[in-house]
N, C-alpha and C. Protein backbone atom coordinates (compact mmCIF):
# COMPACT_ATOMS: atom_id res chain seq x y z
N MET A 1 65.57 -2.10 -43.97
CA MET A 1 66.07 -0.74 -43.90
C MET A 1 67.26 -0.65 -44.84
N GLU A 2 67.25 0.39 -45.70
CA GLU A 2 68.33 0.63 -46.65
C GLU A 2 68.85 2.02 -46.38
N ASP A 3 70.20 2.19 -46.38
CA ASP A 3 70.72 3.53 -46.14
C ASP A 3 71.89 3.86 -47.05
N THR A 4 72.08 5.16 -47.30
CA THR A 4 73.17 5.67 -48.11
C THR A 4 73.57 7.03 -47.55
N PHE A 5 74.76 7.51 -47.95
CA PHE A 5 75.20 8.85 -47.59
C PHE A 5 75.28 9.70 -48.84
N ASP A 6 74.82 10.95 -48.78
CA ASP A 6 74.99 11.83 -49.92
C ASP A 6 76.17 12.74 -49.67
N GLN A 7 76.48 13.60 -50.63
CA GLN A 7 77.66 14.44 -50.56
C GLN A 7 77.61 15.45 -49.42
N ASP A 8 76.48 15.77 -48.87
CA ASP A 8 76.37 16.72 -47.78
C ASP A 8 76.39 16.05 -46.41
N SER A 9 76.77 14.81 -46.34
CA SER A 9 76.83 14.05 -45.08
C SER A 9 75.48 13.89 -44.42
N ILE A 10 74.44 13.91 -45.20
CA ILE A 10 73.10 13.61 -44.68
C ILE A 10 72.81 12.16 -45.03
N LYS A 11 72.51 11.39 -44.03
CA LYS A 11 72.21 9.98 -44.25
C LYS A 11 70.76 9.86 -44.70
N ASP A 12 70.55 9.21 -45.83
CA ASP A 12 69.21 9.00 -46.38
C ASP A 12 68.81 7.56 -46.09
N ILE A 13 67.73 7.39 -45.32
CA ILE A 13 67.28 6.06 -44.91
C ILE A 13 65.87 5.84 -45.42
N GLN A 14 65.65 4.68 -46.02
CA GLN A 14 64.31 4.29 -46.46
C GLN A 14 63.76 3.27 -45.48
N LEU A 15 62.55 3.53 -44.99
CA LEU A 15 61.88 2.65 -44.04
C LEU A 15 60.55 2.21 -44.62
N THR A 16 60.16 0.97 -44.31
CA THR A 16 58.91 0.45 -44.85
C THR A 16 57.81 0.30 -43.79
N SER A 17 58.09 0.73 -42.56
CA SER A 17 57.04 0.65 -41.54
C SER A 17 57.25 1.74 -40.49
N LEU A 18 56.18 2.09 -39.82
CA LEU A 18 56.27 3.05 -38.73
C LEU A 18 57.02 2.46 -37.55
N ALA A 19 56.94 1.15 -37.37
CA ALA A 19 57.69 0.49 -36.30
C ALA A 19 59.20 0.68 -36.51
N GLU A 20 59.64 0.63 -37.77
CA GLU A 20 61.06 0.89 -38.06
C GLU A 20 61.43 2.33 -37.70
N LEU A 21 60.54 3.26 -37.99
CA LEU A 21 60.79 4.66 -37.63
C LEU A 21 60.87 4.81 -36.11
N ASP A 22 59.99 4.16 -35.39
CA ASP A 22 60.01 4.22 -33.93
C ASP A 22 61.33 3.67 -33.38
N ARG A 23 61.80 2.56 -33.94
CA ARG A 23 63.08 1.99 -33.49
C ARG A 23 64.25 2.92 -33.82
N LEU A 24 64.22 3.55 -34.98
CA LEU A 24 65.28 4.48 -35.37
C LEU A 24 65.33 5.67 -34.41
N VAL A 25 64.19 6.24 -34.08
CA VAL A 25 64.13 7.34 -33.13
C VAL A 25 64.70 6.89 -31.78
N SER A 26 64.28 5.73 -31.33
CA SER A 26 64.75 5.20 -30.06
C SER A 26 66.27 5.06 -30.04
N GLU A 27 66.82 4.47 -31.10
CA GLU A 27 68.27 4.25 -31.18
C GLU A 27 69.03 5.57 -31.27
N GLN A 28 68.59 6.47 -32.11
CA GLN A 28 69.32 7.71 -32.35
C GLN A 28 69.30 8.66 -31.16
N PHE A 29 68.22 8.66 -30.39
CA PHE A 29 68.10 9.59 -29.28
C PHE A 29 68.24 8.90 -27.92
N ASN A 30 68.60 7.62 -27.94
CA ASN A 30 68.79 6.86 -26.70
C ASN A 30 67.55 6.97 -25.80
N LEU A 31 66.41 6.71 -26.41
CA LEU A 31 65.12 6.73 -25.71
C LEU A 31 64.52 5.33 -25.76
N PRO A 32 63.61 5.02 -24.83
CA PRO A 32 62.94 3.71 -24.90
C PRO A 32 62.11 3.60 -26.17
N VAL A 33 61.92 2.38 -26.65
CA VAL A 33 61.10 2.17 -27.84
C VAL A 33 59.64 2.47 -27.47
N ARG A 34 59.08 3.43 -28.17
CA ARG A 34 57.69 3.84 -27.97
C ARG A 34 57.11 4.18 -29.33
N PRO A 35 55.82 4.37 -29.45
CA PRO A 35 55.21 4.68 -30.75
C PRO A 35 55.35 6.17 -31.11
N TYR A 36 56.59 6.63 -31.28
CA TYR A 36 56.85 8.05 -31.57
C TYR A 36 56.13 8.52 -32.82
N SER A 37 56.01 7.66 -33.80
CA SER A 37 55.44 8.05 -35.10
C SER A 37 53.92 8.20 -35.08
N THR A 38 53.27 7.72 -34.03
CA THR A 38 51.81 7.76 -33.99
C THR A 38 51.23 8.37 -32.71
N ASP A 39 52.02 8.52 -31.67
CA ASP A 39 51.52 8.97 -30.36
C ASP A 39 52.12 10.34 -30.03
N ILE A 40 51.29 11.35 -29.95
CA ILE A 40 51.78 12.71 -29.69
C ILE A 40 52.48 12.80 -28.34
N ARG A 41 52.01 12.09 -27.34
CA ARG A 41 52.68 12.14 -26.02
C ARG A 41 54.07 11.53 -26.09
N ALA A 42 54.20 10.44 -26.83
CA ALA A 42 55.51 9.80 -26.96
C ALA A 42 56.48 10.70 -27.72
N VAL A 43 56.02 11.29 -28.82
CA VAL A 43 56.92 12.09 -29.64
C VAL A 43 57.33 13.39 -28.94
N LEU A 44 56.55 13.84 -27.97
CA LEU A 44 56.96 15.03 -27.23
C LEU A 44 58.23 14.77 -26.42
N GLU A 45 58.60 13.51 -26.23
CA GLU A 45 59.90 13.20 -25.62
C GLU A 45 61.04 13.74 -26.47
N LEU A 46 60.86 13.78 -27.79
CA LEU A 46 61.88 14.36 -28.67
C LEU A 46 61.99 15.87 -28.46
N VAL A 47 60.86 16.51 -28.22
CA VAL A 47 60.88 17.94 -27.92
C VAL A 47 61.62 18.17 -26.60
N ALA A 48 61.33 17.36 -25.59
CA ALA A 48 62.03 17.46 -24.31
C ALA A 48 63.52 17.20 -24.49
N TRP A 49 63.88 16.20 -25.31
CA TRP A 49 65.29 15.90 -25.59
C TRP A 49 65.96 17.15 -26.18
N ASN A 50 65.28 17.81 -27.11
CA ASN A 50 65.81 19.02 -27.73
C ASN A 50 66.04 20.11 -26.68
N LEU A 51 65.08 20.31 -25.79
CA LEU A 51 65.22 21.34 -24.76
C LEU A 51 66.38 21.06 -23.83
N GLU A 52 66.62 19.79 -23.54
CA GLU A 52 67.68 19.39 -22.61
C GLU A 52 69.05 19.32 -23.26
N ASN A 53 69.14 19.16 -24.58
CA ASN A 53 70.42 18.89 -25.23
C ASN A 53 70.85 19.93 -26.25
N SER A 54 70.17 21.03 -26.35
CA SER A 54 70.51 22.07 -27.32
C SER A 54 70.95 23.33 -26.60
N GLU A 55 71.97 23.99 -27.16
CA GLU A 55 72.42 25.25 -26.57
C GLU A 55 71.38 26.35 -26.76
N ALA A 56 70.71 26.34 -27.90
CA ALA A 56 69.68 27.34 -28.19
C ALA A 56 68.44 26.60 -28.68
N PRO A 57 67.67 26.00 -27.77
CA PRO A 57 66.54 25.19 -28.19
C PRO A 57 65.50 26.00 -28.97
N HIS A 58 64.95 25.34 -29.96
CA HIS A 58 63.92 25.93 -30.81
C HIS A 58 62.96 24.81 -31.17
N PHE A 59 61.66 25.11 -31.17
CA PHE A 59 60.68 24.13 -31.62
C PHE A 59 59.46 24.85 -32.14
N GLU A 60 59.00 24.42 -33.31
CA GLU A 60 57.75 24.91 -33.89
C GLU A 60 56.98 23.72 -34.44
N LEU A 61 55.66 23.80 -34.35
CA LEU A 61 54.79 22.80 -34.96
C LEU A 61 53.54 23.53 -35.42
N PHE A 62 53.20 23.34 -36.67
CA PHE A 62 51.98 23.97 -37.17
C PHE A 62 51.40 23.19 -38.33
N ARG A 63 50.16 23.54 -38.62
CA ARG A 63 49.45 22.94 -39.75
C ARG A 63 49.21 24.04 -40.77
N THR A 64 49.50 23.74 -42.02
CA THR A 64 49.26 24.70 -43.09
C THR A 64 48.79 23.97 -44.33
N GLU A 65 47.81 24.51 -44.96
CA GLU A 65 47.35 23.95 -46.23
C GLU A 65 47.89 24.76 -47.39
N ASP A 66 48.20 26.03 -47.15
CA ASP A 66 48.64 26.93 -48.22
C ASP A 66 50.06 26.66 -48.71
N HIS A 67 50.96 26.36 -47.80
CA HIS A 67 52.37 26.23 -48.17
C HIS A 67 52.92 24.83 -47.90
N SER A 68 52.05 23.86 -47.89
CA SER A 68 52.50 22.51 -47.56
C SER A 68 52.58 21.64 -48.81
N ILE A 69 53.15 20.48 -48.62
CA ILE A 69 53.17 19.45 -49.65
C ILE A 69 51.76 18.85 -49.67
N PRO A 70 51.16 18.67 -50.84
CA PRO A 70 49.79 18.12 -50.88
C PRO A 70 49.66 16.82 -50.07
N GLY A 71 48.68 16.80 -49.17
CA GLY A 71 48.44 15.62 -48.34
C GLY A 71 49.34 15.51 -47.13
N ILE A 72 50.26 16.46 -46.96
CA ILE A 72 51.20 16.44 -45.83
C ILE A 72 51.16 17.81 -45.17
N PRO A 73 50.13 18.09 -44.38
CA PRO A 73 49.91 19.45 -43.89
C PRO A 73 50.69 19.86 -42.64
N PHE A 74 51.32 18.92 -41.94
CA PHE A 74 51.97 19.28 -40.68
C PHE A 74 53.45 19.54 -40.89
N VAL A 75 53.92 20.58 -40.20
CA VAL A 75 55.30 21.02 -40.34
C VAL A 75 55.87 21.18 -38.94
N ALA A 76 57.08 20.66 -38.73
CA ALA A 76 57.77 20.80 -37.44
C ALA A 76 59.18 21.32 -37.70
N SER A 77 59.72 22.00 -36.71
CA SER A 77 61.06 22.55 -36.85
C SER A 77 61.78 22.57 -35.50
N PHE A 78 63.05 22.21 -35.54
CA PHE A 78 63.93 22.34 -34.37
C PHE A 78 64.99 23.40 -34.62
N GLU A 79 64.90 24.07 -35.77
CA GLU A 79 65.80 25.15 -36.17
C GLU A 79 65.01 26.05 -37.11
N PRO A 80 65.08 27.36 -36.95
CA PRO A 80 64.32 28.22 -37.86
C PRO A 80 64.63 27.91 -39.32
N ASP A 81 63.59 27.81 -40.11
CA ASP A 81 63.69 27.59 -41.56
C ASP A 81 64.22 26.22 -41.96
N VAL A 82 64.26 25.27 -41.05
CA VAL A 82 64.60 23.87 -41.38
C VAL A 82 63.39 23.05 -40.94
N TRP A 83 62.70 22.44 -41.91
CA TRP A 83 61.40 21.85 -41.63
C TRP A 83 61.37 20.34 -41.83
N GLY A 84 60.52 19.69 -41.06
CA GLY A 84 60.16 18.30 -41.27
C GLY A 84 58.67 18.26 -41.54
N TYR A 85 58.27 17.46 -42.47
CA TYR A 85 56.87 17.41 -42.89
C TYR A 85 56.26 16.05 -42.56
N GLY A 86 54.95 16.03 -42.30
CA GLY A 86 54.28 14.77 -42.03
C GLY A 86 52.78 14.86 -42.22
N GLU A 87 52.18 13.70 -42.43
CA GLU A 87 50.72 13.62 -42.52
C GLU A 87 50.08 13.89 -41.17
N THR A 88 50.85 13.66 -40.09
CA THR A 88 50.38 13.87 -38.72
C THR A 88 51.46 14.64 -37.96
N PRO A 89 51.11 15.28 -36.84
CA PRO A 89 52.13 15.96 -36.04
C PRO A 89 53.27 15.04 -35.60
N PRO A 90 53.00 13.82 -35.10
CA PRO A 90 54.12 12.96 -34.70
C PRO A 90 55.09 12.65 -35.85
N LEU A 91 54.58 12.43 -37.05
CA LEU A 91 55.47 12.15 -38.18
C LEU A 91 56.32 13.37 -38.52
N ALA A 92 55.73 14.56 -38.49
CA ALA A 92 56.50 15.77 -38.77
C ALA A 92 57.59 15.98 -37.72
N ILE A 93 57.28 15.74 -36.46
CA ILE A 93 58.26 15.91 -35.38
C ILE A 93 59.39 14.89 -35.53
N CYS A 94 59.07 13.64 -35.80
CA CYS A 94 60.11 12.62 -36.01
C CYS A 94 61.03 13.02 -37.16
N GLN A 95 60.45 13.43 -38.28
CA GLN A 95 61.24 13.82 -39.45
C GLN A 95 62.16 14.99 -39.11
N ALA A 96 61.62 16.02 -38.46
CA ALA A 96 62.40 17.21 -38.14
C ALA A 96 63.52 16.89 -37.15
N ALA A 97 63.23 16.11 -36.12
CA ALA A 97 64.24 15.78 -35.11
C ALA A 97 65.37 14.96 -35.71
N LEU A 98 65.04 13.97 -36.49
CA LEU A 98 66.09 13.14 -37.11
C LEU A 98 66.93 13.96 -38.07
N PHE A 99 66.31 14.81 -38.85
CA PHE A 99 67.07 15.60 -39.82
C PHE A 99 67.97 16.62 -39.13
N TRP A 100 67.41 17.41 -38.24
CA TRP A 100 68.19 18.49 -37.64
C TRP A 100 69.24 17.97 -36.66
N HIS A 101 68.87 17.08 -35.77
CA HIS A 101 69.79 16.65 -34.72
C HIS A 101 70.72 15.52 -35.13
N LYS A 102 70.29 14.67 -36.05
CA LYS A 102 71.09 13.49 -36.39
C LYS A 102 71.51 13.44 -37.86
N ARG A 103 71.10 14.43 -38.65
CA ARG A 103 71.45 14.50 -40.07
C ARG A 103 70.97 13.27 -40.82
N ILE A 104 69.76 12.84 -40.50
CA ILE A 104 69.14 11.67 -41.14
C ILE A 104 67.86 12.12 -41.83
N LYS A 105 67.76 11.83 -43.11
CA LYS A 105 66.55 12.10 -43.88
C LYS A 105 65.84 10.77 -44.08
N VAL A 106 64.62 10.67 -43.60
CA VAL A 106 63.85 9.43 -43.68
C VAL A 106 62.85 9.51 -44.83
N ASP A 107 62.88 8.49 -45.68
CA ASP A 107 61.87 8.31 -46.71
C ASP A 107 60.99 7.15 -46.28
N LEU A 108 59.72 7.44 -45.99
CA LEU A 108 58.78 6.40 -45.58
C LEU A 108 58.14 5.78 -46.80
N LEU A 109 58.34 4.50 -46.97
CA LEU A 109 57.77 3.75 -48.09
C LEU A 109 56.69 2.82 -47.55
N LEU A 110 55.67 3.41 -46.97
CA LEU A 110 54.66 2.63 -46.25
C LEU A 110 53.81 1.76 -47.15
N ASN A 111 53.67 2.12 -48.41
CA ASN A 111 52.88 1.28 -49.30
C ASN A 111 53.61 0.00 -49.69
N GLN A 112 54.90 -0.09 -49.35
CA GLN A 112 55.67 -1.29 -49.66
C GLN A 112 55.83 -2.21 -48.45
N GLY A 113 55.28 -1.83 -47.31
CA GLY A 113 55.37 -2.65 -46.10
C GLY A 113 54.16 -2.41 -45.24
N SER A 114 54.21 -2.91 -44.03
CA SER A 114 53.07 -2.72 -43.12
C SER A 114 53.33 -1.51 -42.24
N ASN A 115 52.30 -1.00 -41.60
CA ASN A 115 52.41 0.15 -40.72
C ASN A 115 52.78 -0.25 -39.30
N SER A 116 53.00 -1.49 -39.02
CA SER A 116 53.32 -1.87 -37.65
C SER A 116 54.64 -2.57 -37.56
C-alpha cells in the first residue's frame, strides 16, 4: 500500500488487491473485516454506517452506460453530485464511502497484484 496527500487534503491510496481494500474499509469505518469489495450484503454495512453517522444521510446507487467511465458502469453516492465508480456495485460503494466520509481516493491496481 502506497499513500500520498494532495493539496486538497484528499489522501490518494494505491492498492493492489481487493483484500487490501476490504482491510482499509474495515479500519476506516471501525467495522469487522469482511469482503466489502465483492459482497453486496457486506458493503451495505457502509450504507448503514452512513445512515447512523450522518446528519443528513444520502445514498444513491445506479447503473449507467451512457454517462459512465467505459467498463465501469456502477455509480454510488453518499452526497449529491459526489460519485464513486466501480465495475460492480460493491466497488462503487466502497469508493464513494471512502471518498466522501474519509477523504480517501483509492486507485485499484489489480493487474499488479492478486484479487485476494
